[in-house]
Amino acid sequence: MARKLAVIARLLRMQSTLRCSFCGKDADQVGRLVAGPSVYICDECIKTCVAVVEQHGGFPPSRAAEQDGLNHA
């Protein structure tokens, strides 16, 4: 039982310190965090990334879409 409580306590500490790897904001300061392998990105940084990509010509067409003839660009 003590071991389970220690694991739960560790998980709670980890959750309370989750923060965006890009801007450093805590999870409670943003709307949502998206997890990757050992990294997190918040919804605000995602919006910023999308805006930057769009300012530089947008997203390139995917190879799968090109192979399927779905590239409408």
PDB file of N, CA and C in Angstrom:
ATOM      1  N   MET A   1       0.823  -1.198   0.000  1.00  0.00           N
ATOM      2  CA  MET A   1       0.000   0.000   0.000  1.00  0.00           C
ATOM      3  C   MET A   1       0.868   1.264   0.000  1.00  0.00           C
ATOM      4  N   ALA A   2       1.920   1.251   0.793  1.00  0.00           N
ATOM      5  CA  ALA A   2       2.803   2.422   0.863  1.00  0.00           C
ATOM      6  C   ALA A   2       3.458   2.685  -0.487  1.00  0.00           C
ATOM      7  N   ARG A   3       3.779   1.603  -1.185  1.00  0.00           N
ATOM      8  CA  ARG A   3       4.409   1.761  -2.503  1.00  0.00           C
ATOM      9  C   ARG A   3       3.438   2.414  -3.485  1.00  0.00           C
ATOM     10  N   LYS A   4       2.168   2.012  -3.451  1.00  0.00           N
ATOM     11  CA  LYS A   4       1.165   2.613  -4.326  1.00  0.00           C
ATOM     12  C   LYS A   4       1.000   4.095  -4.017  1.00  0.00           C
ATOM     13  N   LEU A   5       0.997   4.435  -2.743  1.00  0.00           N
ATOM     14  CA  LEU A   5       0.867   5.844  -2.359  1.00  0.00           C
ATOM     15  C   LEU A   5       2.067   6.653  -2.832  1.00  0.00           C
ATOM     16  N   ALA A   6       3.250   6.061  -2.772  1.00  0.00           N
ATOM     17  CA  ALA A   6       4.452   6.758  -3.240  1.00  0.00           C
ATOM     18  C   ALA A   6       4.374   7.008  -4.744  1.00  0.00           C
ATOM     19  N   VAL A   7       3.881   6.028  -5.488  1.00  0.00           N
ATOM     20  CA  VAL A   7       3.736   6.187  -6.938  1.00  0.00           C
ATOM     21  C   VAL A   7       2.713   7.270  -7.244  1.00  0.00           C
ATOM     22  N   ILE A   8       1.598   7.257  -6.545  1.00  0.00           N
ATOM     23  CA  ILE A   8       0.565   8.279  -6.747  1.00  0.00           C
ATOM     24  C   ILE A   8       1.109   9.659  -6.413  1.00  0.00           C
ATOM     25  N   ALA A   9       1.838   9.773  -5.316  1.00  0.00           N
ATOM     26  CA  ALA A   9       2.414  11.063  -4.929  1.00  0.00           C
ATOM     27  C   ALA A   9       3.387  11.558  -5.990  1.00  0.00           C
ATOM     28  N   ARG A  10       4.198  10.647  -6.532  1.00  0.00           N
ATOM     29  CA  ARG A  10       5.152  11.036  -7.578  1.00  0.00           C
ATOM     30  C   ARG A  10       4.419  11.500  -8.835  1.00  0.00           C
ATOM     31  N   LEU A  11       3.366  10.799  -9.212  1.00  0.00           N
ATOM     32  CA  LEU A  11       2.591  11.204 -10.386  1.00  0.00           C
ATOM     33  C   LEU A  11       1.942  12.563 -10.178  1.00  0.00           C
ATOM     34  N   LEU A  12       1.426  12.806  -8.997  1.00  0.00           N
ATOM     35  CA  LEU A  12       0.818  14.108  -8.712  1.00  0.00           C
ATOM     36  C   LEU A  12       1.852  15.227  -8.778  1.00  0.00           C
ATOM     37  N   ARG A  13       3.059  14.980  -8.281  1.00  0.00           N
ATOM     38  CA  ARG A  13       4.119  15.991  -8.370  1.00  0.00           C
ATOM     39  C   ARG A  13       4.480  16.255  -9.822  1.00  0.00           C
ATOM     40  N   MET A  14       4.550  15.185 -10.623  1.00  0.00           N
ATOM     41  CA  MET A  14       4.873  15.347 -12.042  1.00  0.00           C
ATOM     42  C   MET A  14       3.792  16.158 -12.742  1.00  0.00           C
ATOM     43  N   GLN A  15       2.536  15.880 -12.445  1.00  0.00           N
ATOM     44  CA  GLN A  15       1.445  16.594 -13.087  1.00  0.00           C
ATOM     45  C   GLN A  15       1.446  18.060 -12.696  1.00  0.00           C
ATOM     46  N   SER A  16       1.806  18.363 -11.472  1.00  0.00           N
ATOM     47  CA  SER A  16       1.771  19.754 -11.033  1.00  0.00           C
ATOM     48  C   SER A  16       2.901  20.575 -11.639  1.00  0.00           C
ATOM     49  N   THR A  17       3.916  19.918 -12.193  1.00  0.00           N
ATOM     50  CA  THR A  17       5.036  20.660 -12.770  1.00  0.00           C
ATOM     51  C   THR A  17       5.067  20.600 -14.292  1.00  0.00           C
ATOM     52  N   LEU A  18       4.011  20.085 -14.905  1.00  0.00           N
ATOM     53  CA  LEU A  18       3.989  20.049 -16.360  1.00  0.00           C
ATOM     54  C   LEU A  18       3.984  21.464 -16.907  1.00  0.00           C
ATOM     55  N   ARG A  19       4.807  21.684 -17.913  1.00  0.00           N
ATOM     56  CA  ARG A  19       4.874  23.008 -18.526  1.00  0.00           C
ATOM     57  C   ARG A  19       5.233  22.880 -19.992  1.00  0.00           C
ATOM     58  N   CYS A  20       4.894  23.912 -20.741  1.00  0.00           N
ATOM     59  CA  CYS A  20       5.204  23.951 -22.162  1.00  0.00           C
ATOM     60  C   CYS A  20       6.720  24.012 -22.336  1.00  0.00           C
ATOM     61  N   SER A  21       7.247  23.154 -23.173  1.00  0.00           N
ATOM     62  CA  SER A  21       8.686  23.129 -23.426  1.00  0.00           C
ATOM     63  C   SER A  21       9.146  24.312 -24.264  1.00  0.00           C
ATOM     64  N   PHE A  22       8.213  25.036 -24.878  1.00  0.00           N
ATOM     65  CA  PHE A  22       8.554  26.157 -25.749  1.00  0.00           C
ATOM     66  C   PHE A  22       8.500  27.490 -25.013  1.00  0.00           C
ATOM     67  N   CYS A  23       7.383  27.768 -24.320  1.00  0.00           N
ATOM     68  CA  CYS A  23       7.238  29.066 -23.651  1.00  0.00           C
ATOM     69  C   CYS A  23       7.441  28.984 -22.143  1.00  0.00           C
ATOM     70  N   GLY A  24       7.416  27.789 -21.582  1.00  0.00           N
ATOM     71  CA  GLY A  24       7.657  27.611 -20.159  1.00  0.00           C
ATOM     72  C   GLY A  24       6.448  27.817 -19.264  1.00  0.00           C
ATOM     73  N   LYS A  25       5.279  28.083 -19.839  1.00  0.00           N
ATOM     74  CA  LYS A  25       4.089  28.288 -19.015  1.00  0.00           C
ATOM     75  C   LYS A  25       3.648  26.973 -18.389  1.00  0.00           C
ATOM     76  N   ASP A  26       3.174  27.071 -17.132  1.00  0.00           N
ATOM     77  CA  ASP A  26       2.637  25.903 -16.443  1.00  0.00           C
ATOM     78  C   ASP A  26       1.338  25.461 -17.086  1.00  0.00           C
ATOM     79  N   ALA A  27       0.981  24.208 -16.856  1.00  0.00           N
ATOM     80  CA  ALA A  27      -0.246  23.645 -17.419  1.00  0.00           C
ATOM     81  C   ALA A  27      -1.472  24.443 -17.015  1.00  0.00           C
ATOM     82  N   ASP A  28      -1.468  25.019 -15.817  1.00  0.00           N
ATOM     83  CA  ASP A  28      -2.638  25.788 -15.372  1.00  0.00           C
ATOM     84  C   ASP A  28      -2.680  27.196 -15.955  1.00  0.00           C
ATOM     85  N   GLN A  29      -1.671  27.585 -16.716  1.00  0.00           N
ATOM     86  CA  GLN A  29      -1.641  28.905 -17.346  1.00  0.00           C
ATOM     87  C   GLN A  29      -2.082  28.865 -18.810  1.00  0.00           C
ATOM     88  N   VAL A  30      -2.295  27.672 -19.333  1.00  0.00           N
ATOM     89  CA  VAL A  30      -2.666  27.524 -20.741  1.00  0.00           C
ATOM     90  C   VAL A  30      -3.942  26.706 -20.848  1.00  0.00           C
ATOM     91  N   GLY A  31      -4.534  26.711 -22.033  1.00  0.00           N
ATOM     92  CA  GLY A  31      -5.755  25.948 -22.234  1.00  0.00           C
ATOM     93  C   GLY A  31      -5.515  24.450 -22.289  1.00  0.00           C
ATOM     94  N   ARG A  32      -4.419  24.049 -22.961  1.00  0.00           N
ATOM     95  CA  ARG A  32      -4.161  22.624 -23.147  1.00  0.00           C
ATOM     96  C   ARG A  32      -2.686  22.404 -23.430  1.00  0.00           C
ATOM     97  N   LEU A  33      -2.163  21.298 -22.957  1.00  0.00           N
ATOM     98  CA  LEU A  33      -0.810  20.867 -23.284  1.00  0.00           C
ATOM     99  C   LEU A  33      -0.891  19.588 -24.107  1.00  0.00           C
ATOM    100  N   VAL A  34      -0.124  19.538 -25.187  1.00  0.00           N
ATOM    101  CA  VAL A  34      -0.025  18.338 -26.005  1.00  0.00           C
ATOM    102  C   VAL A  34       1.316  17.691 -25.675  1.00  0.00           C
ATOM    103  N   ALA A  35       1.280  16.406 -25.346  1.00  0.00           N
ATOM    104  CA  ALA A  35       2.490  15.705 -24.920  1.00  0.00           C
ATOM    105  C   ALA A  35       3.177  15.027 -26.088  1.00  0.00           C
ATOM    106  N   GLY A  36       4.494  15.102 -26.054  1.00  0.00           N
ATOM    107  CA  GLY A  36       5.337  14.345 -26.961  1.00  0.00           C
ATOM    108  C   GLY A  36       6.305  13.552 -26.112  1.00  0.00           C
ATOM    109  N   PRO A  37       7.270  12.884 -26.726  1.00  0.00           N
ATOM    110  CA  PRO A  37       8.240  12.138 -25.924  1.00  0.00           C
ATOM    111  C   PRO A  37       9.112  13.097 -25.112  1.00  0.00           C
ATOM    112  N   SER A  38       8.826  13.208 -23.846  1.00  0.00           N
ATOM    113  CA  SER A  38       9.568  14.066 -22.901  1.00  0.00           C
ATOM    114  C   SER A  38       9.415  15.556 -23.166  1.00  0.00           C
ATOM    115  N   VAL A  39       8.448  15.970 -23.974  1.00  0.00           N
ATOM    116  CA  VAL A  39       8.205  17.392 -24.230  1.00  0.00           C
ATOM    117  C   VAL A  39       6.708  17.665 -24.243  1.00  0.00           C
ATOM    118  N   TYR A  40       6.365  18.922 -24.054  1.00  0.00           N
ATOM    119  CA  TYR A  40       4.977  19.370 -24.111  1.00  0.00           C
ATOM    120  C   TYR A  40       4.929  20.675 -24.890  1.00  0.00           C
ATOM    121  N   ILE A  41       3.824  20.902 -25.598  1.00  0.00           N
ATOM    122  CA  ILE A  41       3.611  22.178 -26.275  1.00  0.00           C
ATOM    123  C   ILE A  41       2.189  22.623 -25.968  1.00  0.00           C
ATOM    124  N   CYS A  42       2.036  23.907 -25.653  1.00  0.00           N
ATOM    125  CA  CYS A  42       0.719  24.422 -25.286  1.00  0.00           C
ATOM    126  C   CYS A  42      -0.041  24.885 -26.526  1.00  0.00           C
ATOM    127  N   ASP A  43      -1.339  25.064 -26.345  1.00  0.00           N
ATOM    128  CA  ASP A  43      -2.194  25.490 -27.454  1.00  0.00           C
ATOM    129  C   ASP A  43      -1.773  26.847 -28.003  1.00  0.00           C
ATOM    130  N   GLU A  44      -1.270  27.721 -27.152  1.00  0.00           N
ATOM    131  CA  GLU A  44      -0.832  29.042 -27.610  1.00  0.00           C
ATOM    132  C   GLU A  44       0.394  28.931 -28.518  1.00  0.00           C
ATOM    133  N   CYS A  45       1.345  28.079 -28.147  1.00  0.00           N
ATOM    134  CA  CYS A  45       2.540  27.900 -28.975  1.00  0.00           C
ATOM    135  C   CYS A  45       2.206  27.186 -30.279  1.00  0.00           C
ATOM    136  N   ILE A  46       1.228  26.286 -30.246  1.00  0.00           N
ATOM    137  CA  ILE A  46       0.792  25.635 -31.485  1.00  0.00           C
ATOM    138  C   ILE A  46       0.246  26.682 -32.446  1.00  0.00           C
ATOM    139  N   LYS A  47      -0.577  27.603 -31.945  1.00  0.00           N
ATOM    140  CA  LYS A  47      -1.122  28.668 -32.797  1.00  0.00           C
ATOM    141  C   LYS A  47       0.002  29.521 -33.377  1.00  0.00           C
ATOM    142  N   THR A  48       0.994  29.829 -32.559  1.00  0.00           N
ATOM    143  CA  THR A  48       2.132  30.620 -33.028  1.00  0.00           C
ATOM    144  C   THR A  48       2.899  29.864 -34.109  1.00  0.00           C
ATOM    145  N   CYS A  49       3.116  28.576 -33.909  1.00  0.00           N
ATOM    146  CA  CYS A  49       3.832  27.767 -34.905  1.00  0.00           C
ATOM    147  C   CYS A  49       3.083  27.715 -36.227  1.00  0.00           C
ATOM    148  N   VAL A  50       1.778  27.540 -36.169  1.00  0.00           N
ATOM    149  CA  VAL A  50       0.973  27.502 -37.391  1.00  0.00           C
ATOM    150  C   VAL A  50       1.071  28.838 -38.121  1.00  0.00           C
ATOM    151  N   ALA A  51       1.009  29.949 -37.383  1.00  0.00           N
ATOM    152  CA  ALA A  51       1.108  31.277 -37.999  1.00  0.00           C
ATOM    153  C   ALA A  51       2.463  31.464 -38.676  1.00  0.00           C
ATOM    154  N   VAL A  52       3.532  31.012 -38.033  1.00  0.00           N
ATOM    155  CA  VAL A  52       4.872  31.139 -38.614  1.00  0.00           C
ATOM    156  C   VAL A  52       4.971  30.320 -39.898  1.00  0.00           C
ATOM    157  N   VAL A  53       4.470  29.101 -39.879  1.00  0.00           N
ATOM    158  CA  VAL A  53       4.518  28.255 -41.075  1.00  0.00           C
ATOM    159  C   VAL A  53       3.714  28.892 -42.203  1.00  0.00           C
ATOM    160  N   GLU A  54       2.535  29.406 -41.889  1.00  0.00           N
ATOM    161  CA  GLU A  54       1.703  30.033 -42.920  1.00  0.00           C
ATOM    162  C   GLU A  54       2.365  31.279 -43.499  1.00  0.00           C
ATOM    163  N   GLN A  55       3.091  32.045 -42.677  1.00  0.00           N
ATOM    164  CA  GLN A  55       3.792  33.234 -43.160  1.00  0.00           C
ATOM    165  C   GLN A  55       4.933  32.867 -44.106  1.00  0.00           C
ATOM    166  N   HIS A  56       5.415  31.646 -43.997  1.00  0.00           N
ATOM    167  CA  HIS A  56       6.535  31.206 -44.832  1.00  0.00           C
ATOM    168  C   HIS A  56       6.087  30.236 -45.915  1.00  0.00           C
ATOM    169  N   GLY A  57       4.899  30.415 -46.425  1.00  0.00           N
ATOM    170  CA  GLY A  57       4.455  29.628 -47.568  1.00  0.00           C
ATOM    171  C   GLY A  57       3.551  28.460 -47.255  1.00  0.00           C
ATOM    172  N   GLY A  58       3.233  28.256 -46.019  1.00  0.00           N
ATOM    173  CA  GLY A  58       2.314  27.179 -45.668  1.00  0.00           C
ATOM    174  C   GLY A  58       2.987  25.836 -45.533  1.00  0.00           C
ATOM    175  N   PHE A  59       2.159  24.857 -45.301  1.00  0.00           N
ATOM    176  CA  PHE A  59       2.642  23.494 -45.138  1.00  0.00           C
ATOM    177  C   PHE A  59       2.844  22.862 -46.509  1.00  0.00           C
ATOM    178  N   PRO A  60       3.937  22.132 -46.700  1.00  0.00           N
ATOM    179  CA  PRO A  60       4.128  21.456 -47.984  1.00  0.00           C
ATOM    180  C   PRO A  60       3.119  20.324 -48.121  1.00  0.00           C
ATOM    181  N   PRO A  61       2.755  19.985 -49.357  1.00  0.00           N
ATOM    182  CA  PRO A  61       1.819  18.866 -49.533  1.00  0.00           C
ATOM    183  C   PRO A  61       2.470  17.575 -49.047  1.00  0.00           C
ATOM    184  N   SER A  62       1.679  16.700 -48.482  1.00  0.00           N
ATOM    185  CA  SER A  62       2.235  15.441 -47.986  1.00  0.00           C
ATOM    186  C   SER A  62       2.520  14.507 -49.153  1.00  0.00           C
ATOM    187  N   ARG A  63       3.490  13.664 -48.978  1.00  0.00           N
ATOM    188  CA  ARG A  63       3.834  12.698 -50.034  1.00  0.00           C
ATOM    189  C   ARG A  63       2.686  11.727 -50.264  1.00  0.00           C
ATOM    190  N   ALA A  64       1.980  11.371 -49.206  1.00  0.00           N
ATOM    191  CA  ALA A  64       0.858  10.442 -49.361  1.00  0.00           C
ATOM    192  C   ALA A  64      -0.214  11.054 -50.251  1.00  0.00           C
ATOM    193  N   ALA A  65      -0.497  12.329 -50.069  1.00  0.00           N
ATOM    194  CA  ALA A  65      -1.506  13.000 -50.892  1.00  0.00           C
ATOM    195  C   ALA A  65      -1.050  13.071 -52.344  1.00  0.00           C
ATOM    196  N   GLU A  66       0.237  13.317 -52.574  1.00  0.00           N
ATOM    197  CA  GLU A  66       0.761  13.367 -53.939  1.00  0.00           C
ATOM    198  C   GLU A  66       0.635  12.005 -54.611  1.00  0.00           C
ATOM    199  N   GLN A  67       0.935  10.950 -53.877  1.00  0.00           N
ATOM    200  CA  GLN A  67       0.872   9.605 -54.442  1.00  0.00           C
ATOM    201  C   GLN A  67      -0.559   9.194 -54.748  1.00  0.00           C
ATOM    202  N   ASP A  68      -1.496   9.671 -53.962  1.00  0.00           N
ATOM    203  CA  ASP A  68      -2.903   9.327 -54.173  1.00  0.00           C
ATOM    204  C   ASP A  68      -3.591  10.263 -55.151  1.00  0.00           C
ATOM    205  N   GLY A  69      -2.869  11.259 -55.658  1.00  0.00           N
ATOM    206  CA  GLY A  69      -3.471  12.211 -56.573  1.00  0.00           C
ATOM    207  C   GLY A  69      -4.428  13.171 -55.892  1.00  0.00           C
ATOM    208  N   LEU A  70      -4.238  13.398 -54.596  1.00  0.00           N
ATOM    209  CA  LEU A  70      -5.140  14.263 -53.839  1.00  0.00           C
ATOM    210  C   LEU A  70      -4.593  15.665 -53.653  1.00  0.00           C
ATOM    211  N   ASN A  71      -3.469  15.977 -54.251  1.00  0.00           N
ATOM    212  CA  ASN A  71      -2.859  17.290 -54.086  1.00  0.00           C
ATOM    213  C   ASN A  71      -3.636  18.309 -54.904  1.00  0.00           C
ATOM    214  N   HIS A  72      -4.397  19.149 -54.229  1.00  0.00           N
ATOM    215  CA  HIS A  72      -5.234  20.146 -54.901  1.00  0.00           C
ATOM    216  C   HIS A  72      -4.591  21.523 -54.931  1.00  0.00           C
ATOM    217  N   ALA A  73      -3.330  21.631 -54.557  1.00  0.00           N
ATOM    218  CA  ALA A  73      -2.653  22.920 -54.493  1.00  0.00           C
ATOM    219  C   ALA A  73      -2.366  23.430 -55.824  1.00  0.00           C
TER     220      ALA A  73
END
